[in-house]
Amino acid sequence: MSFASVEFLLFLGFTLAATAFLERRFPERAKEIFLLAASYFFYGYWDWRFCFLLLFVTAASYWAGRESGNKAAFLAGVIVPLVVLGFFKYFNFFLSSAAALAGREIGALRIILPVGISFYTFQALSYVIDVRRGKIPVERDFIKLALYISFFPQLVAGPIVKAKEFLPQLHEKRRVSWEGIQWGVQVFAFGLFKKIVLADNISVFVDDVYHAPAAYHWATILLAAVSYSLQIYFDFSGYSDMAIGCAKCFGYDFSRNFNLPYISQNVTEFWRRWHISLSTWLKEYIYIPLGGNRKGKARQYLNLFLTMLLGGLWHGADWTFVFWGALNGAALCLDKVLPHKKGAPLRRICGVLATFTFITLTWVFFRAESFAAAWAVLRGIFTLQQGVCQPFSWSFAALALLLLCTLAAETRAHRQGAETVGYYPIANLNTVRGQTAFFILLGLILGLAYTGQNPFVYFQF
């Protein structure tokens, strides 16, 4: 049940109405049980069998939390999600890699990757680790913990919501309200526009070029590489916006997952703005435990590199993802060596262009299905390959819209004297002007939407 489907909109409307009814007529427990059941229904819509896997991870985390003083229980609470993730996502990858090293052929098992497994296992880990560290109290209410891990807006593709951010909200009397719905529906629609109008239309061009790069002119291949940078941003930030909007309709708050990443002046800044929930998770639960920057420069560089290497592997069970992580890890280390000075506008513009160029080139390994395919794309660009020249209007339109929204966000932040934190064009739906703007957005979504089947990019992770 994709967010960008009629089925989900019907599911969301029913769930929202039922929740509003339950919280006004029945005790809080009825609402929690209903939302938990709705979340499992949402997850089981893909494959009901994996609901038992989700329940197993939840039960293991609950037990480990209750026994947090026991080191063996804590280790079990960490190992169980990692084993589940490792088996379903990485077993065939490690098996085939070992076979390649040994020069032998080993048949792969037919293992179905459960949707969202990378996200809910990380959330389970954050709970167990934070309880052990004493950062949050033990959650003795199984329903609340299960709802935290399985809450449907963030269940299948994030953002990765830490236990210390969401569990306290479940102990408050959060309510469905007109203000929350007004804000949440607009953010959801904004994300939907990013996904089915911008990302999905761009994906048609990107898929064609990446399928046969040898047939295209170098300028077209370069445009496709830039277009993928736009596609993955609009796709994943669109999903995050929709998740944040859904949660807000129910009265819950998720942190923003993107903060205009393509205006970053260096790679370090980029990873503070891109997929923020993953970046902070990796920093808090991998980089800092490895030693962070507390054990000298050489160790800091190694910790940065290893963290991004694991971040690449988290994204996908393929060596192209590992290499992508290694490239970003090396760039982060280089950032620590090079001085960063706040300079004139021209210096900042050069920094943004250089960072965007590097990120775009590394996305090639993220998008390509193999190293051979990635090298074919890069070779086509850098050898000034001749072939079919195909400008794609959606790419230029999406880039112009991104620049316009970035300018609007920067201008608004400057006027308010605040730091830029992304851009949500929220209108007051109690006014004719606000309603007009909102319905124009809906009209654009209906009129320009790509109607083919195109799942969210991060569903595969």
Protein backbone atom coordinates (compact mmCIF):
# COMPACT_ATOMS: atom_id res chain seq x y z
CA MET A 1 0.00 0.00 0.00
CA SER A 2 2.01 2.93 -1.27
CA PHE A 3 1.46 6.43 0.10
CA ALA A 4 0.87 7.52 -3.49
CA SER A 5 -2.20 5.31 -4.00
CA VAL A 6 -5.95 5.59 -3.69
CA GLU A 7 -5.94 2.63 -1.30
CA PHE A 8 -3.71 4.47 1.13
CA LEU A 9 -5.79 7.65 0.99
CA LEU A 10 -8.89 5.61 1.85
CA PHE A 11 -6.98 3.83 4.62
CA LEU A 12 -5.69 7.13 6.00
CA GLY A 13 -9.12 8.77 5.95
CA PHE A 14 -10.77 5.85 7.73
CA THR A 15 -7.96 5.52 10.30
CA LEU A 16 -7.98 9.24 11.03
CA ALA A 17 -11.76 9.38 11.46
CA ALA A 18 -11.80 6.27 13.66
CA THR A 19 -8.95 7.62 15.80
CA ALA A 20 -10.72 10.94 16.32
CA PHE A 21 -13.86 9.06 17.38
CA LEU A 22 -12.04 6.70 19.75
CA GLU A 23 -10.02 9.37 21.54
CA ARG A 24 -13.17 11.34 22.31
CA ARG A 25 -15.39 8.45 23.41
CA PHE A 26 -13.07 5.84 24.89
CA PRO A 27 -9.96 5.64 27.10
CA GLU A 28 -6.54 6.29 25.55
CA ARG A 29 -5.82 2.55 25.46
CA ALA A 30 -8.50 1.98 22.81
CA LYS A 31 -6.86 4.50 20.50
CA GLU A 32 -3.42 2.95 20.99
CA ILE A 33 -4.67 -0.56 20.26
CA PHE A 34 -6.52 0.65 17.18
CA LEU A 35 -3.47 2.51 15.80
CA LEU A 36 -1.31 -0.55 16.45
CA ALA A 37 -3.80 -2.79 14.62
CA ALA A 38 -4.01 -0.29 11.76
CA SER A 39 -0.21 -0.20 11.50
CA TYR A 40 0.01 -4.00 11.33
CA PHE A 41 -2.75 -4.03 8.71
CA PHE A 42 -0.80 -1.45 6.71
CA TYR A 43 2.38 -3.53 6.96
CA GLY A 44 0.60 -6.82 6.27
CA TYR A 45 -0.87 -5.37 3.08
CA TRP A 46 2.45 -6.22 1.37
CA ASP A 47 2.88 -9.64 2.95
CA TRP A 48 1.03 -10.62 6.12
CA ARG A 49 3.68 -13.18 7.07
CA PHE A 50 6.20 -10.48 7.87
CA CYS A 51 3.93 -9.10 10.58
CA PHE A 52 5.20 -11.99 12.71
CA LEU A 53 8.80 -10.89 12.04
CA LEU A 54 7.93 -7.34 13.10
CA LEU A 55 6.25 -8.69 16.24
CA PHE A 56 9.27 -10.88 17.02
CA VAL A 57 11.69 -7.93 16.82
CA THR A 58 9.34 -5.89 18.99
CA ALA A 59 9.01 -8.63 21.62
CA ALA A 60 12.79 -9.10 21.75
CA SER A 61 13.30 -5.36 22.23
CA TYR A 62 10.62 -5.20 24.92
CA TRP A 63 12.21 -8.06 26.85
CA ALA A 64 15.71 -6.60 26.50
CA GLY A 65 14.46 -3.26 27.77
CA ARG A 66 12.76 -4.83 30.78
CA GLU A 67 16.01 -6.68 31.56
CA SER A 68 18.27 -3.74 30.72
CA GLY A 69 20.41 -4.30 33.82
CA ASN A 70 21.35 -7.74 32.50
CA LYS A 71 24.24 -7.52 30.03
CA ALA A 72 23.25 -10.78 28.32
CA ALA A 73 19.71 -9.49 27.78
CA PHE A 74 21.07 -6.23 26.36
CA LEU A 75 23.33 -8.10 23.95
CA ALA A 76 20.39 -10.26 22.88
CA GLY A 77 18.31 -7.12 22.31
CA VAL A 78 21.03 -5.78 20.00
CA ILE A 79 21.87 -9.06 18.28
CA VAL A 80 18.30 -10.12 17.44
CA PRO A 81 17.49 -7.10 15.19
CA LEU A 82 20.95 -7.30 13.61
CA VAL A 83 20.57 -11.03 12.88
CA VAL A 84 17.11 -10.48 11.42
CA LEU A 85 18.41 -7.64 9.24
CA GLY A 86 21.55 -9.56 8.30
CA PHE A 87 19.72 -12.71 7.27
CA PHE A 88 16.95 -11.18 5.19
CA LYS A 89 18.98 -8.40 3.62
CA TYR A 90 22.59 -9.58 3.46
CA PHE A 91 22.71 -13.39 3.57
CA ASN A 92 22.84 -13.88 -0.20
CA PHE A 93 25.20 -10.92 -0.59
CA PHE A 94 27.77 -12.35 1.82
CA LEU A 95 27.28 -15.86 0.45
CA SER A 96 27.89 -14.79 -3.15
CA SER A 97 30.87 -12.61 -2.11
CA ALA A 98 32.46 -15.52 -0.26
CA ALA A 99 31.84 -17.80 -3.24
CA ALA A 100 33.48 -15.29 -5.57
CA LEU A 101 36.56 -15.09 -3.33
CA ALA A 102 36.76 -18.88 -3.20
CA GLY A 103 36.26 -19.19 -6.95
CA ARG A 104 33.23 -21.43 -6.50
CA GLU A 105 29.57 -21.20 -7.40
CA ILE A 106 27.03 -21.42 -4.61
CA GLY A 107 23.30 -21.25 -5.22
CA ALA A 108 21.44 -18.40 -3.53
CA LEU A 109 18.42 -18.86 -1.30
CA ARG A 110 15.13 -17.33 -2.37
CA ILE A 111 14.83 -14.81 0.46
CA ILE A 112 12.16 -12.12 0.18
CA LEU A 113 13.32 -8.78 1.59
CA PRO A 114 10.66 -7.55 4.05
CA VAL A 115 9.72 -3.97 3.25
CA GLY A 116 11.01 -1.43 5.75
CA ILE A 117 13.22 -3.91 7.64
CA SER A 118 16.20 -1.53 7.69
CA PHE A 119 14.09 1.16 9.34
CA TYR A 120 12.22 -0.70 12.06
CA THR A 121 15.28 -2.72 13.13
CA PHE A 122 17.20 0.55 13.60
CA GLN A 123 14.35 1.93 15.68
CA ALA A 124 14.32 -1.19 17.85
CA LEU A 125 18.08 -0.85 18.32
CA SER A 126 17.77 2.80 19.33
CA TYR A 127 15.31 1.85 22.08
CA VAL A 128 17.42 -0.98 23.52
CA ILE A 129 20.66 1.04 23.41
CA ASP A 130 19.15 4.21 24.89
CA VAL A 131 17.56 2.27 27.74
CA ARG A 132 20.91 0.66 28.48
CA ARG A 133 22.62 4.06 28.41
CA GLY A 134 20.00 5.47 30.79
CA LYS A 135 18.86 8.11 28.27
CA ILE A 136 15.24 6.97 28.40
CA PRO A 137 13.27 4.98 30.98
CA VAL A 138 12.25 1.39 30.38
CA GLU A 139 8.96 1.21 28.50
CA ARG A 140 6.87 -1.24 30.50
CA ASP A 141 3.82 -0.86 28.27
CA PHE A 142 4.17 -3.36 25.42
CA ILE A 143 1.44 -1.66 23.35
CA LYS A 144 3.25 1.67 23.42
CA LEU A 145 6.59 0.14 22.46
CA ALA A 146 4.97 -1.87 19.66
CA LEU A 147 3.26 1.27 18.38
CA TYR A 148 6.55 3.18 18.42
CA ILE A 149 8.29 0.52 16.32
CA SER A 150 5.40 -0.11 13.91
CA PHE A 151 3.60 3.27 13.61
CA PHE A 152 2.60 3.18 9.95
CA PRO A 153 3.63 6.67 8.71
CA GLN A 154 7.34 5.90 9.22
CA LEU A 155 7.27 2.10 9.13
CA VAL A 156 8.43 1.25 5.62
CA ALA A 157 10.81 4.07 4.60
CA GLY A 158 11.42 6.27 7.62
CA PRO A 159 12.33 8.75 8.80
CA ILE A 160 14.14 6.73 11.48
CA VAL A 161 12.42 7.99 14.62
CA LYS A 162 14.46 7.46 17.78
CA ALA A 163 12.75 6.13 20.89
CA LYS A 164 13.62 9.23 22.92
CA GLU A 165 11.84 11.36 20.31
CA PHE A 166 8.58 9.41 19.97
CA LEU A 167 7.92 7.33 23.09
CA PRO A 168 7.41 10.45 25.28
CA GLN A 169 4.70 11.58 22.84
CA LEU A 170 2.83 8.31 23.42
CA HIS A 171 2.67 9.18 27.12
CA GLU A 172 1.04 12.51 26.33
CA LYS A 173 -2.57 12.97 25.31
CA ARG A 174 -1.97 13.83 21.68
CA ARG A 175 -5.19 14.51 19.80
CA VAL A 176 -6.48 14.74 16.24
CA SER A 177 -7.17 18.46 15.71
CA TRP A 178 -8.12 20.76 12.87
CA GLU A 179 -4.81 22.62 13.23
CA GLY A 180 -2.86 19.37 12.96
CA ILE A 181 -4.90 18.14 10.00
CA GLN A 182 -4.57 21.50 8.24
CA TRP A 183 -0.77 21.44 8.58
CA GLY A 184 -0.39 17.70 8.00
CA VAL A 185 -2.53 17.49 4.87
CA GLN A 186 -0.60 20.31 3.21
CA VAL A 187 2.79 18.77 4.00
CA PHE A 188 1.49 15.40 2.74
CA ALA A 189 0.27 17.02 -0.50
CA PHE A 190 3.60 18.82 -0.91
CA GLY A 191 5.41 15.49 -0.58
CA LEU A 192 2.97 13.81 -2.96
CA PHE A 193 3.69 16.50 -5.56
CA LYS A 194 7.42 15.86 -5.19
CA LYS A 195 6.93 12.15 -5.66
CA ILE A 196 4.38 11.59 -8.41
CA VAL A 197 4.83 14.80 -10.38
CA LEU A 198 8.56 15.48 -10.17
CA ALA A 199 10.42 12.29 -9.16
CA ASP A 200 8.29 9.84 -11.15
CA ASN A 201 8.30 11.88 -14.37
CA ILE A 202 12.07 12.34 -14.12
CA SER A 203 12.54 8.61 -13.50
CA VAL A 204 11.33 7.77 -17.03
CA PHE A 205 14.27 9.65 -18.57
CA VAL A 206 16.81 8.40 -16.00
CA ASP A 207 15.76 4.77 -16.45
CA ASP A 208 16.09 5.00 -20.24
CA VAL A 209 19.61 6.44 -20.12
CA TYR A 210 20.91 4.14 -17.39
CA HIS A 211 19.49 1.14 -19.24
CA ALA A 212 21.61 1.84 -22.34
CA PRO A 213 24.16 4.63 -21.71
CA ALA A 214 26.24 3.64 -24.75
CA ALA A 215 23.46 4.88 -27.03
CA TYR A 216 23.41 8.47 -25.74
CA HIS A 217 25.39 11.66 -26.21
CA TRP A 218 27.63 12.64 -23.27
CA ALA A 219 25.51 15.73 -22.54
CA THR A 220 22.38 13.58 -22.30
CA ILE A 221 24.14 11.14 -19.96
CA LEU A 222 25.31 14.06 -17.80
CA LEU A 223 21.76 15.40 -17.73
CA ALA A 224 20.54 11.95 -16.65
CA ALA A 225 23.10 11.89 -13.81
CA VAL A 226 21.97 15.32 -12.64
CA SER A 227 18.36 14.24 -13.08
CA TYR A 228 18.90 11.25 -10.79
CA SER A 229 20.20 13.63 -8.11
CA LEU A 230 16.90 15.47 -8.44
CA GLN A 231 14.85 12.26 -8.64
CA ILE A 232 16.20 10.66 -5.49
CA TYR A 233 15.85 13.93 -3.56
CA PHE A 234 12.26 14.53 -4.63
CA ASP A 235 11.39 10.86 -4.16
CA PHE A 236 12.80 10.38 -0.67
CA SER A 237 12.17 13.86 0.71
CA GLY A 238 8.66 13.54 -0.74
CA TYR A 239 8.11 10.30 1.18
CA SER A 240 9.50 11.89 4.34
CA ASP A 241 7.17 14.87 3.95
CA MET A 242 4.21 12.53 3.51
CA ALA A 243 5.20 10.56 6.61
CA ILE A 244 5.63 13.75 8.64
CA GLY A 245 2.28 15.05 7.39
CA CYS A 246 0.50 11.78 8.24
CA ALA A 247 1.90 11.75 11.76
CA LYS A 248 0.91 15.39 12.29
CA CYS A 249 -2.70 14.60 11.36
CA PHE A 250 -2.77 12.21 14.32
CA GLY A 251 -1.14 14.77 16.59
CA TYR A 252 2.42 13.35 16.56
CA ASP A 253 5.60 15.15 15.56
CA PHE A 254 8.44 13.74 13.47
CA SER A 255 11.65 15.68 12.90
CA ARG A 256 12.35 16.90 9.38
CA ASN A 257 14.51 14.51 7.40
CA PHE A 258 15.89 16.92 4.78
CA ASN A 259 17.13 20.48 4.93
CA LEU A 260 17.83 21.69 1.39
CA PRO A 261 20.87 19.39 0.99
CA TYR A 262 21.90 20.60 -2.45
CA ILE A 263 22.92 24.03 -1.15
CA SER A 264 25.63 22.39 0.98
CA GLN A 265 29.11 23.88 0.58
CA ASN A 266 30.93 20.65 1.47
CA VAL A 267 30.21 16.95 1.95
CA THR A 268 30.12 17.24 5.75
CA GLU A 269 27.37 19.83 5.48
CA PHE A 270 25.55 17.68 2.92
CA TRP A 271 25.30 14.77 5.37
CA ARG A 272 23.95 17.12 8.00
CA ARG A 273 21.17 18.06 5.60
CA TRP A 274 20.47 14.76 3.76
CA HIS A 275 18.49 11.90 5.38
CA ILE A 276 19.07 13.58 8.73
CA SER A 277 17.50 10.78 10.74
CA LEU A 278 19.98 8.22 9.33
CA SER A 279 22.97 10.56 9.60
CA THR A 280 22.26 11.30 13.26
CA TRP A 281 21.57 7.59 13.95
CA LEU A 282 24.92 6.58 12.45
CA LYS A 283 26.69 9.32 14.39
CA GLU A 284 25.04 8.49 17.72
CA TYR A 285 25.14 4.69 17.57
CA ILE A 286 28.22 3.94 15.44
CA TYR A 287 30.60 6.91 15.03
CA ILE A 288 30.61 8.05 18.69
CA PRO A 289 30.84 4.49 20.15
CA LEU A 290 33.80 3.85 17.82
CA GLY A 291 35.53 6.76 19.51
CA GLY A 292 34.34 9.71 17.42
CA ASN A 293 36.96 12.45 17.48
CA ARG A 294 38.18 11.68 21.00
CA LYS A 295 41.17 9.49 20.10
CA GLY A 296 43.22 11.60 17.76
CA LYS A 297 42.97 12.66 14.13
CA ALA A 298 43.95 9.33 12.56
CA ARG A 299 41.34 7.47 14.59
CA GLN A 300 38.72 10.11 13.78
CA TYR A 301 39.31 9.66 10.06
CA LEU A 302 39.07 5.90 10.40
CA ASN A 303 35.83 6.19 12.40
CA LEU A 304 34.32 8.51 9.81
CA PHE A 305 35.30 6.19 6.98
CA LEU A 306 33.98 3.06 8.70
CA THR A 307 30.70 4.78 9.61
CA MET A 308 30.03 5.80 6.02
CA LEU A 309 31.12 2.38 4.79
CA LEU A 310 28.46 0.82 7.03
CA GLY A 311 26.03 3.52 5.89
CA GLY A 312 26.61 2.46 2.30
CA LEU A 313 26.04 -1.20 3.18
CA TRP A 314 22.83 -0.23 5.03
CA HIS A 315 21.47 1.20 1.81
CA GLY A 316 21.85 -1.98 -0.18
CA ALA A 317 23.38 -5.44 -0.32
CA ASP A 318 25.73 -4.79 -3.21
CA TRP A 319 29.36 -3.72 -3.58
CA THR A 320 28.27 -0.62 -5.50
CA PHE A 321 26.62 0.67 -2.31
CA VAL A 322 29.73 -0.15 -0.28
CA PHE A 323 31.86 1.75 -2.79
CA TRP A 324 29.42 4.67 -2.69
CA GLY A 325 29.76 4.72 1.10
CA ALA A 326 33.56 4.55 0.82
CA LEU A 327 33.62 7.54 -1.55
CA ASN A 328 31.55 9.62 0.85
CA GLY A 329 33.60 8.43 3.80
CA ALA A 330 36.82 9.50 2.06
CA ALA A 331 35.27 12.88 1.23
CA LEU A 332 34.27 13.39 4.88
CA CYS A 333 37.85 12.67 5.94
CA LEU A 334 39.17 15.11 3.35
CA ASP A 335 36.74 17.73 4.68
CA LYS A 336 38.38 17.44 8.09
CA VAL A 337 41.78 18.13 6.56
CA LEU A 338 40.81 21.07 4.36
CA PRO A 339 40.12 24.46 5.99
CA HIS A 340 36.58 25.81 5.68
CA LYS A 341 36.40 29.58 5.62
CA LYS A 342 33.29 31.68 5.44
CA GLY A 343 33.99 33.76 2.40
CA ALA A 344 32.41 35.87 -0.27
CA PRO A 345 29.29 34.78 -2.17
CA LEU A 346 31.45 33.56 -5.04
CA ARG A 347 33.34 31.21 -2.70
CA ARG A 348 30.07 29.84 -1.36
CA ILE A 349 28.68 29.32 -4.86
CA CYS A 350 31.84 27.46 -5.90
CA GLY A 351 31.55 25.29 -2.80
CA VAL A 352 27.93 24.44 -3.57
CA LEU A 353 28.71 23.59 -7.21
CA ALA A 354 31.72 21.46 -6.27
CA THR A 355 29.74 19.56 -3.63
CA PHE A 356 26.78 19.01 -5.96
CA THR A 357 29.13 17.73 -8.68
CA PHE A 358 30.78 15.26 -6.31
CA ILE A 359 27.45 14.03 -4.91
CA THR A 360 25.99 13.66 -8.41
CA LEU A 361 28.94 11.56 -9.56
CA THR A 362 28.75 9.31 -6.50
CA TRP A 363 25.01 8.86 -7.04
CA VAL A 364 25.98 7.07 -10.28
CA PHE A 365 27.21 4.09 -8.23
CA PHE A 366 24.09 4.30 -6.06
CA ARG A 367 21.77 4.15 -9.08
CA ALA A 368 23.65 1.79 -11.41
CA GLU A 369 22.87 -1.92 -11.14
CA SER A 370 26.55 -2.90 -11.34
CA PHE A 371 30.05 -1.46 -11.49
CA ALA A 372 30.08 -2.09 -15.23
CA ALA A 373 26.92 -0.03 -15.66
CA ALA A 374 28.33 2.76 -13.48
CA TRP A 375 31.59 2.88 -15.45
CA ALA A 376 29.61 2.99 -18.69
CA VAL A 377 27.80 6.11 -17.48
CA LEU A 378 30.98 7.82 -16.26
CA ARG A 379 32.92 6.80 -19.38
CA GLY A 380 30.19 8.27 -21.57
CA ILE A 381 30.44 11.60 -19.74
CA PHE A 382 34.22 11.98 -19.50
CA THR A 383 35.07 10.71 -22.99
CA LEU A 384 32.56 13.12 -24.55
CA GLN A 385 30.75 10.19 -26.12
CA GLN A 386 28.64 10.79 -29.21
CA GLY A 387 25.13 9.44 -29.62
CA VAL A 388 21.48 10.30 -29.22
CA CYS A 389 21.03 13.81 -27.82
CA GLN A 390 17.83 14.08 -25.80
CA PRO A 391 17.08 17.11 -23.66
CA PHE A 392 14.36 16.34 -21.11
CA SER A 393 12.03 19.16 -20.14
CA TRP A 394 10.96 17.67 -16.78
CA SER A 395 14.56 17.79 -15.55
CA PHE A 396 14.86 21.50 -16.30
CA ALA A 397 11.44 22.24 -14.81
CA ALA A 398 12.26 20.31 -11.62
CA LEU A 399 15.62 22.04 -11.25
CA ALA A 400 13.99 25.46 -11.71
CA LEU A 401 11.34 24.64 -9.12
CA LEU A 402 13.98 23.42 -6.66
CA LEU A 403 15.95 26.65 -7.09
CA LEU A 404 12.78 28.71 -6.63
CA CYS A 405 11.78 26.91 -3.42
CA THR A 406 15.35 27.13 -2.10
CA LEU A 407 15.36 30.88 -2.73
CA ALA A 408 11.98 31.22 -0.99
CA ALA A 409 13.22 29.23 2.03
CA GLU A 410 16.42 31.25 2.27
CA THR A 411 14.54 34.53 1.96
CA ARG A 412 12.04 33.55 4.64
CA ALA A 413 14.81 32.42 6.99
CA HIS A 414 16.71 35.68 6.45
CA ARG A 415 13.62 37.76 7.23
CA GLN A 416 12.91 35.77 10.38
CA GLY A 417 16.55 35.84 11.46
CA ALA A 418 16.55 32.05 11.75
CA GLU A 419 18.47 29.16 10.26
CA THR A 420 16.99 27.57 7.15
CA VAL A 421 15.18 24.34 8.05
CA GLY A 422 13.71 23.26 4.76
CA TYR A 423 10.66 24.63 3.04
CA TYR A 424 6.98 23.89 3.63
CA PRO A 425 4.63 26.35 1.87
CA ILE A 426 1.89 26.15 4.51
CA ALA A 427 -1.23 28.22 3.78
CA ASN A 428 -4.07 29.16 6.12
CA LEU A 429 -6.95 26.96 4.95
CA ASN A 430 -9.40 29.12 6.86
CA THR A 431 -8.98 31.80 4.19
CA VAL A 432 -10.12 31.87 0.58
CA ARG A 433 -6.56 32.62 -0.51
CA GLY A 434 -5.21 29.59 1.34
CA GLN A 435 -7.92 27.28 0.02
CA THR A 436 -7.31 28.51 -3.52
CA ALA A 437 -3.56 27.82 -3.28
CA PHE A 438 -4.19 24.36 -1.84
CA PHE A 439 -6.68 23.36 -4.52
CA ILE A 440 -4.35 24.64 -7.24
CA LEU A 441 -1.69 22.31 -5.81
CA LEU A 442 -4.16 19.41 -5.88
CA GLY A 443 -5.06 20.26 -9.47
CA LEU A 444 -1.40 20.24 -10.48
CA ILE A 445 -0.95 16.86 -8.81
CA LEU A 446 -3.94 15.35 -10.62
CA GLY A 447 -3.05 16.93 -13.96
CA LEU A 448 0.70 16.29 -14.04
CA ALA A 449 1.07 13.05 -12.06
CA TYR A 450 2.94 10.14 -13.61
CA THR A 451 0.43 7.29 -13.64
CA GLY A 452 2.80 4.34 -14.10
CA GLN A 453 3.85 2.01 -11.30
CA ASN A 454 6.95 3.51 -9.71
CA PRO A 455 7.63 2.57 -6.05
CA PHE A 456 9.52 4.83 -3.69
CA VAL A 457 13.30 4.45 -4.11
CA TYR A 458 13.90 3.74 -0.41
CA PHE A 459 11.32 0.91 -0.29
CA GLN A 460 14.14 -1.42 -1.46
CA PHE A 461 16.19 -0.59 1.62
